[in-house]
């Protein structure tokens, strides 16, 4: 099931239109767009390239990287593993980022994954595949699952925006990961969409994000 499927997205939107906490946010924003990435391996390399860089600079570096590798949309791990970190520095990647991208390529080869192989894995298997890679943390895996694989039920307790948005709903001074997950259970199996509207709620200060009174 993927949010890139309009019918699946429609089902999720109906759920949130009826949600007491996030329902008021829904009509204030356009229909969310989710586009399934065809080559998750390339997408991961691109995510690493873009870390802590402006969009324009990162685009230039990634274009040069693709030109060096000799592949772009159909980029595969074996294409990247022909190079080392020093060679990748020639296109503007830092040694650290080059090493991270090589780590991703090596992990795909180790697991026998095709560039699009992550599409067929469960969320638990995706985490098992990616988290051992140095340079890939939980937040990166969660954002990747949400916005590149379009999985409908992903939630990131480590995301600062989600922490800030959910805090007034929970009526606590500081949110704890376990309590945050328990609170978010009410949005299962649509926690990716819940995350989307929680982020949007930060743009809408007039929206009541706390529980409504029954009085």
C-alpha atoms as a PDB file:
ATOM      1  CA  UNK A   1       0.000   0.000   0.000  1.00  0.00           C
ATOM      2  CA  UNK A   2       1.416   3.371  -0.987  1.00  0.00           C
ATOM      3  CA  UNK A   3       0.268   6.974  -0.680  1.00  0.00           C
ATOM      4  CA  UNK A   4       1.285   7.420  -4.318  1.00  0.00           C
ATOM      5  CA  UNK A   5      -1.933   5.509  -5.125  1.00  0.00           C
ATOM      6  CA  UNK A   6      -4.715   8.157  -5.317  1.00  0.00           C
ATOM      7  CA  UNK A   7      -7.291   5.725  -3.894  1.00  0.00           C
ATOM      8  CA  UNK A   8      -5.116   5.017  -0.858  1.00  0.00           C
ATOM      9  CA  UNK A   9      -4.471   8.727  -0.330  1.00  0.00           C
ATOM     10  CA  UNK A  10      -8.211   9.441  -0.588  1.00  0.00           C
ATOM     11  CA  UNK A  11      -8.899   6.897   2.147  1.00  0.00           C
ATOM     12  CA  UNK A  12      -6.337   8.544   4.403  1.00  0.00           C
ATOM     13  CA  UNK A  13      -7.693  12.026   3.755  1.00  0.00           C
ATOM     14  CA  UNK A  14     -11.213  10.939   4.722  1.00  0.00           C
ATOM     15  CA  UNK A  15      -9.769   9.637   7.990  1.00  0.00           C
ATOM     16  CA  UNK A  16      -8.199  13.016   8.806  1.00  0.00           C
ATOM     17  CA  UNK A  17     -11.186  15.079   7.736  1.00  0.00           C
ATOM     18  CA  UNK A  18     -12.961  13.356  10.634  1.00  0.00           C
ATOM     19  CA  UNK A  19     -10.026  13.676  13.041  1.00  0.00           C
ATOM     20  CA  UNK A  20     -10.747  15.938  16.008  1.00  0.00           C
ATOM     21  CA  UNK A  21      -7.152  17.067  16.426  1.00  0.00           C
ATOM     22  CA  UNK A  22      -5.962  17.456  12.841  1.00  0.00           C
ATOM     23  CA  UNK A  23      -9.255  17.825  10.985  1.00  0.00           C
ATOM     24  CA  UNK A  24      -9.151  21.662  11.183  1.00  0.00           C
ATOM     25  CA  UNK A  25      -5.774  21.666   9.420  1.00  0.00           C
ATOM     26  CA  UNK A  26      -6.876  19.612   6.391  1.00  0.00           C
ATOM     27  CA  UNK A  27      -8.972  22.226   4.515  1.00  0.00           C
ATOM     28  CA  UNK A  28      -6.278  24.878   4.973  1.00  0.00           C
ATOM     29  CA  UNK A  29      -3.862  23.090   2.660  1.00  0.00           C
ATOM     30  CA  UNK A  30      -3.783  21.623  -0.820  1.00  0.00           C
ATOM     31  CA  UNK A  31      -3.990  17.891  -1.325  1.00  0.00           C
ATOM     32  CA  UNK A  32      -0.600  16.408  -0.367  1.00  0.00           C
ATOM     33  CA  UNK A  33       1.481  14.973  -3.189  1.00  0.00           C
ATOM     34  CA  UNK A  34       3.354  11.692  -2.878  1.00  0.00           C
ATOM     35  CA  UNK A  35       5.430  10.408  -5.782  1.00  0.00           C
ATOM     36  CA  UNK A  36       7.000   6.977  -5.595  1.00  0.00           C
ATOM     37  CA  UNK A  37      10.691   7.119  -6.462  1.00  0.00           C
ATOM     38  CA  UNK A  38      11.679   4.569  -9.101  1.00  0.00           C
ATOM     39  CA  UNK A  39      15.284   4.147  -7.962  1.00  0.00           C
ATOM     40  CA  UNK A  40      15.604   4.156  -4.144  1.00  0.00           C
ATOM     41  CA  UNK A  41      19.375   3.615  -4.344  1.00  0.00           C
ATOM     42  CA  UNK A  42      19.809   6.811  -6.358  1.00  0.00           C
ATOM     43  CA  UNK A  43      17.443   8.623  -3.984  1.00  0.00           C
ATOM     44  CA  UNK A  44      19.546   7.665  -0.958  1.00  0.00           C
ATOM     45  CA  UNK A  45      22.720   8.884  -2.670  1.00  0.00           C
ATOM     46  CA  UNK A  46      20.913  12.125  -3.459  1.00  0.00           C
ATOM     47  CA  UNK A  47      19.733  12.562   0.141  1.00  0.00           C
ATOM     48  CA  UNK A  48      23.319  12.251   1.380  1.00  0.00           C
ATOM     49  CA  UNK A  49      24.516  14.748  -1.234  1.00  0.00           C
ATOM     50  CA  UNK A  50      21.914  17.304  -0.165  1.00  0.00           C
ATOM     51  CA  UNK A  51      22.659  17.114   3.571  1.00  0.00           C
ATOM     52  CA  UNK A  52      23.579  20.564   4.967  1.00  0.00           C
ATOM     53  CA  UNK A  53      23.819  22.173   1.508  1.00  0.00           C
ATOM     54  CA  UNK A  54      21.679  24.682  -0.358  1.00  0.00           C
ATOM     55  CA  UNK A  55      19.511  23.175  -3.068  1.00  0.00           C
ATOM     56  CA  UNK A  56      21.372  24.783  -5.970  1.00  0.00           C
ATOM     57  CA  UNK A  57      24.833  23.747  -4.768  1.00  0.00           C
ATOM     58  CA  UNK A  58      23.669  20.211  -4.024  1.00  0.00           C
ATOM     59  CA  UNK A  59      21.992  19.883  -7.435  1.00  0.00           C
ATOM     60  CA  UNK A  60      25.251  20.877  -9.130  1.00  0.00           C
ATOM     61  CA  UNK A  61      27.288  18.378  -7.119  1.00  0.00           C
ATOM     62  CA  UNK A  62      24.822  15.553  -7.694  1.00  0.00           C
ATOM     63  CA  UNK A  63      24.729  16.257 -11.436  1.00  0.00           C
ATOM     64  CA  UNK A  64      28.541  16.080 -11.552  1.00  0.00           C
ATOM     65  CA  UNK A  65      28.425  12.890  -9.489  1.00  0.00           C
ATOM     66  CA  UNK A  66      25.987  11.293 -11.959  1.00  0.00           C
ATOM     67  CA  UNK A  67      28.194  12.375 -14.868  1.00  0.00           C
ATOM     68  CA  UNK A  68      31.249  10.827 -13.206  1.00  0.00           C
ATOM     69  CA  UNK A  69      29.413   7.576 -12.533  1.00  0.00           C
ATOM     70  CA  UNK A  70      28.035   7.584 -16.060  1.00  0.00           C
ATOM     71  CA  UNK A  71      24.478   6.882 -14.944  1.00  0.00           C
ATOM     72  CA  UNK A  72      21.667   9.006 -13.535  1.00  0.00           C
ATOM     73  CA  UNK A  73      18.088   7.709 -13.310  1.00  0.00           C
ATOM     74  CA  UNK A  74      19.320   4.131 -13.762  1.00  0.00           C
ATOM     75  CA  UNK A  75      22.270   4.500 -11.363  1.00  0.00           C
ATOM     76  CA  UNK A  76      23.159   1.207  -9.660  1.00  0.00           C
ATOM     77  CA  UNK A  77      25.480   0.253  -6.769  1.00  0.00           C
ATOM     78  CA  UNK A  78      28.039  -1.363  -9.070  1.00  0.00           C
ATOM     79  CA  UNK A  79      28.332   1.883 -11.039  1.00  0.00           C
ATOM     80  CA  UNK A  80      29.309   3.776  -7.891  1.00  0.00           C
ATOM     81  CA  UNK A  81      31.633   1.132  -6.461  1.00  0.00           C
ATOM     82  CA  UNK A  82      34.036   1.604  -9.382  1.00  0.00           C
ATOM     83  CA  UNK A  83      35.186   4.758  -7.560  1.00  0.00           C
ATOM     84  CA  UNK A  84      36.693   5.543  -4.164  1.00  0.00           C
ATOM     85  CA  UNK A  85      36.053   8.467  -1.810  1.00  0.00           C
ATOM     86  CA  UNK A  86      38.972  10.474  -3.202  1.00  0.00           C
ATOM     87  CA  UNK A  87      37.641  10.143  -6.740  1.00  0.00           C
ATOM     88  CA  UNK A  88      34.196  11.268  -5.582  1.00  0.00           C
ATOM     89  CA  UNK A  89      35.742  14.368  -4.044  1.00  0.00           C
ATOM     90  CA  UNK A  90      36.554  15.544  -7.567  1.00  0.00           C
ATOM     91  CA  UNK A  91      32.865  16.340  -8.146  1.00  0.00           C
ATOM     92  CA  UNK A  92      32.493  18.329  -4.920  1.00  0.00           C
ATOM     93  CA  UNK A  93      31.440  15.630  -2.472  1.00  0.00           C
ATOM     94  CA  UNK A  94      33.190  15.769   0.879  1.00  0.00           C
ATOM     95  CA  UNK A  95      35.209  12.700   1.808  1.00  0.00           C
ATOM     96  CA  UNK A  96      32.597  11.890   4.454  1.00  0.00           C
ATOM     97  CA  UNK A  97      29.665  12.094   2.042  1.00  0.00           C
ATOM     98  CA  UNK A  98      31.540  10.118  -0.583  1.00  0.00           C
ATOM     99  CA  UNK A  99      32.227   7.424   1.986  1.00  0.00           C
ATOM    100  CA  UNK A 100      28.558   7.357   3.030  1.00  0.00           C
ATOM    101  CA  UNK A 101      27.432   6.903  -0.587  1.00  0.00           C
ATOM    102  CA  UNK A 102      29.956   4.096  -1.052  1.00  0.00           C
ATOM    103  CA  UNK A 103      28.651   2.511   2.157  1.00  0.00           C
ATOM    104  CA  UNK A 104      25.113   2.583   0.747  1.00  0.00           C
ATOM    105  CA  UNK A 105      26.261   0.976  -2.504  1.00  0.00           C
ATOM    106  CA  UNK A 106      28.199  -1.707  -0.627  1.00  0.00           C
ATOM    107  CA  UNK A 107      25.181  -2.505   1.563  1.00  0.00           C
ATOM    108  CA  UNK A 108      22.922  -2.905  -1.478  1.00  0.00           C
ATOM    109  CA  UNK A 109      25.446  -5.318  -2.983  1.00  0.00           C
ATOM    110  CA  UNK A 110      25.865  -7.175   0.306  1.00  0.00           C
ATOM    111  CA  UNK A 111      22.114  -7.771   0.514  1.00  0.00           C
ATOM    112  CA  UNK A 112      21.766  -8.516  -3.194  1.00  0.00           C
ATOM    113  CA  UNK A 113      19.343  -5.617  -3.599  1.00  0.00           C
ATOM    114  CA  UNK A 114      18.551  -4.191  -7.005  1.00  0.00           C
ATOM    115  CA  UNK A 115      18.382  -0.356  -7.143  1.00  0.00           C
ATOM    116  CA  UNK A 116      14.577  -0.578  -6.727  1.00  0.00           C
ATOM    117  CA  UNK A 117      14.723  -3.502  -4.293  1.00  0.00           C
ATOM    118  CA  UNK A 118      13.520  -1.567  -1.246  1.00  0.00           C
ATOM    119  CA  UNK A 119      10.017  -1.268  -2.697  1.00  0.00           C
ATOM    120  CA  UNK A 120       9.276  -4.908  -1.941  1.00  0.00           C
ATOM    121  CA  UNK A 121      10.505  -4.838   1.671  1.00  0.00           C
ATOM    122  CA  UNK A 122       8.438  -4.349   4.815  1.00  0.00           C
ATOM    123  CA  UNK A 123       9.105  -1.297   6.966  1.00  0.00           C
ATOM    124  CA  UNK A 124      10.956  -3.455   9.494  1.00  0.00           C
ATOM    125  CA  UNK A 125      13.112  -4.965   6.746  1.00  0.00           C
ATOM    126  CA  UNK A 126      13.904  -1.512   5.346  1.00  0.00           C
ATOM    127  CA  UNK A 127      15.168  -0.424   8.746  1.00  0.00           C
ATOM    128  CA  UNK A 128      17.196  -3.617   9.075  1.00  0.00           C
ATOM    129  CA  UNK A 129      18.711  -3.018   5.641  1.00  0.00           C
ATOM    130  CA  UNK A 130      19.559   0.666   6.032  1.00  0.00           C
ATOM    131  CA  UNK A 131      20.311   1.409   9.687  1.00  0.00           C
ATOM    132  CA  UNK A 132      23.621  -0.526   9.751  1.00  0.00           C
ATOM    133  CA  UNK A 133      24.952   1.858   7.063  1.00  0.00           C
ATOM    134  CA  UNK A 134      27.265   4.463   8.558  1.00  0.00           C
ATOM    135  CA  UNK A 135      25.823   7.858   7.656  1.00  0.00           C
ATOM    136  CA  UNK A 136      22.199   6.682   7.624  1.00  0.00           C
ATOM    137  CA  UNK A 137      20.304   7.301  10.863  1.00  0.00           C
ATOM    138  CA  UNK A 138      16.753   6.638  12.001  1.00  0.00           C
ATOM    139  CA  UNK A 139      15.468  10.069  10.936  1.00  0.00           C
ATOM    140  CA  UNK A 140      16.863   9.614   7.409  1.00  0.00           C
ATOM    141  CA  UNK A 141      15.272   6.170   7.092  1.00  0.00           C
ATOM    142  CA  UNK A 142      11.922   7.481   8.339  1.00  0.00           C
ATOM    143  CA  UNK A 143      11.888  10.477   5.972  1.00  0.00           C
ATOM    144  CA  UNK A 144      12.985   8.220   3.119  1.00  0.00           C
ATOM    145  CA  UNK A 145      10.140   5.795   3.829  1.00  0.00           C
ATOM    146  CA  UNK A 146       7.625   8.638   4.023  1.00  0.00           C
ATOM    147  CA  UNK A 147       8.537  10.709   1.007  1.00  0.00           C
ATOM    148  CA  UNK A 148      10.397   8.400  -1.373  1.00  0.00           C
ATOM    149  CA  UNK A 149       8.718   5.047  -0.734  1.00  0.00           C
ATOM    150  CA  UNK A 150       5.406   6.727   0.196  1.00  0.00           C
ATOM    151  CA  UNK A 151       4.681   4.336   3.055  1.00  0.00           C
ATOM    152  CA  UNK A 152       1.448   5.401   4.803  1.00  0.00           C
ATOM    153  CA  UNK A 153       2.250   4.531   8.424  1.00  0.00           C
ATOM    154  CA  UNK A 154       5.641   6.001   9.368  1.00  0.00           C
ATOM    155  CA  UNK A 155       6.200   8.274  12.369  1.00  0.00           C
ATOM    156  CA  UNK A 156       9.429   9.915  13.544  1.00  0.00           C
ATOM    157  CA  UNK A 157       9.759  10.652  17.251  1.00  0.00           C
ATOM    158  CA  UNK A 158      13.155  12.223  16.555  1.00  0.00           C
ATOM    159  CA  UNK A 159      11.817  14.930  14.257  1.00  0.00           C
ATOM    160  CA  UNK A 160      11.913  18.326  15.969  1.00  0.00           C
ATOM    161  CA  UNK A 161       8.972  19.667  13.973  1.00  0.00           C
ATOM    162  CA  UNK A 162       6.742  16.770  14.977  1.00  0.00           C
ATOM    163  CA  UNK A 163       7.805  17.158  18.588  1.00  0.00           C
ATOM    164  CA  UNK A 164       6.885  20.837  18.516  1.00  0.00           C
ATOM    165  CA  UNK A 165       3.545  20.239  16.799  1.00  0.00           C
ATOM    166  CA  UNK A 166       2.398  17.400  19.025  1.00  0.00           C
ATOM    167  CA  UNK A 167       3.460  18.988  22.320  1.00  0.00           C
ATOM    168  CA  UNK A 168       0.355  21.191  22.826  1.00  0.00           C
ATOM    169  CA  UNK A 169      -1.885  18.259  21.920  1.00  0.00           C
ATOM    170  CA  UNK A 170      -0.245  16.132  24.591  1.00  0.00           C
ATOM    171  CA  UNK A 171      -0.286  19.031  27.081  1.00  0.00           C
ATOM    172  CA  UNK A 172       3.260  18.411  28.242  1.00  0.00           C
ATOM    173  CA  UNK A 173       6.306  20.656  28.546  1.00  0.00           C
ATOM    174  CA  UNK A 174       8.603  18.109  26.928  1.00  0.00           C
ATOM    175  CA  UNK A 175       7.620  15.158  24.776  1.00  0.00           C
ATOM    176  CA  UNK A 176       9.193  11.751  25.304  1.00  0.00           C
ATOM    177  CA  UNK A 177       9.573   9.306  22.399  1.00  0.00           C
ATOM    178  CA  UNK A 178       7.597   6.491  24.030  1.00  0.00           C
ATOM    179  CA  UNK A 179       4.713   8.780  25.007  1.00  0.00           C
ATOM    180  CA  UNK A 180       4.797  10.396  21.577  1.00  0.00           C
ATOM    181  CA  UNK A 181       4.436   7.005  19.900  1.00  0.00           C
ATOM    182  CA  UNK A 182       1.590   6.048  22.211  1.00  0.00           C
ATOM    183  CA  UNK A 183      -0.211   9.312  21.428  1.00  0.00           C
ATOM    184  CA  UNK A 184       0.286   8.799  17.688  1.00  0.00           C
ATOM    185  CA  UNK A 185      -1.371   5.367  17.837  1.00  0.00           C
ATOM    186  CA  UNK A 186      -4.709   7.138  17.287  1.00  0.00           C
ATOM    187  CA  UNK A 187      -3.546   7.916  13.715  1.00  0.00           C
ATOM    188  CA  UNK A 188      -2.516   4.376  12.766  1.00  0.00           C
ATOM    189  CA  UNK A 189      -2.430   3.235   9.936  1.00  0.00           C
ATOM    190  CA  UNK A 190      -2.002   6.769   8.540  1.00  0.00           C
ATOM    191  CA  UNK A 191       0.829   8.179  10.637  1.00  0.00           C
ATOM    192  CA  UNK A 192       2.695   9.486   7.577  1.00  0.00           C
ATOM    193  CA  UNK A 193      -0.306  11.685   6.791  1.00  0.00           C
ATOM    194  CA  UNK A 194      -0.540  12.609  10.468  1.00  0.00           C
ATOM    195  CA  UNK A 195       3.072  13.771  10.248  1.00  0.00           C
ATOM    196  CA  UNK A 196       2.280  15.801   7.147  1.00  0.00           C
ATOM    197  CA  UNK A 197      -0.574  17.629   8.870  1.00  0.00           C
ATOM    198  CA  UNK A 198       1.362  18.068  12.099  1.00  0.00           C
ATOM    199  CA  UNK A 199       4.073  19.869  10.133  1.00  0.00           C
ATOM    200  CA  UNK A 200       1.429  21.942   8.353  1.00  0.00           C
ATOM    201  CA  UNK A 201      -0.186  22.817  11.682  1.00  0.00           C
ATOM    202  CA  UNK A 202       2.959  24.720  12.646  1.00  0.00           C
ATOM    203  CA  UNK A 203       2.117  27.129   9.817  1.00  0.00           C
ATOM    204  CA  UNK A 204      -1.395  27.698  11.220  1.00  0.00           C
ATOM    205  CA  UNK A 205      -1.110  29.291  14.672  1.00  0.00           C
ATOM    206  CA  UNK A 206      -4.856  29.979  14.812  1.00  0.00           C
ATOM    207  CA  UNK A 207      -5.722  26.300  14.521  1.00  0.00           C
ATOM    208  CA  UNK A 208      -6.628  24.748  17.861  1.00  0.00           C
ATOM    209  CA  UNK A 209      -4.217  21.852  18.130  1.00  0.00           C
ATOM    210  CA  UNK A 210      -5.293  20.855  21.607  1.00  0.00           C
ATOM    211  CA  UNK A 211      -8.159  18.504  22.424  1.00  0.00           C
ATOM    212  CA  UNK A 212     -11.535  20.148  22.091  1.00  0.00           C
ATOM    213  CA  UNK A 213     -13.656  20.641  25.159  1.00  0.00           C
ATOM    214  CA  UNK A 214     -16.871  18.666  25.386  1.00  0.00           C
ATOM    215  CA  UNK A 215     -18.583  21.565  27.223  1.00  0.00           C
END
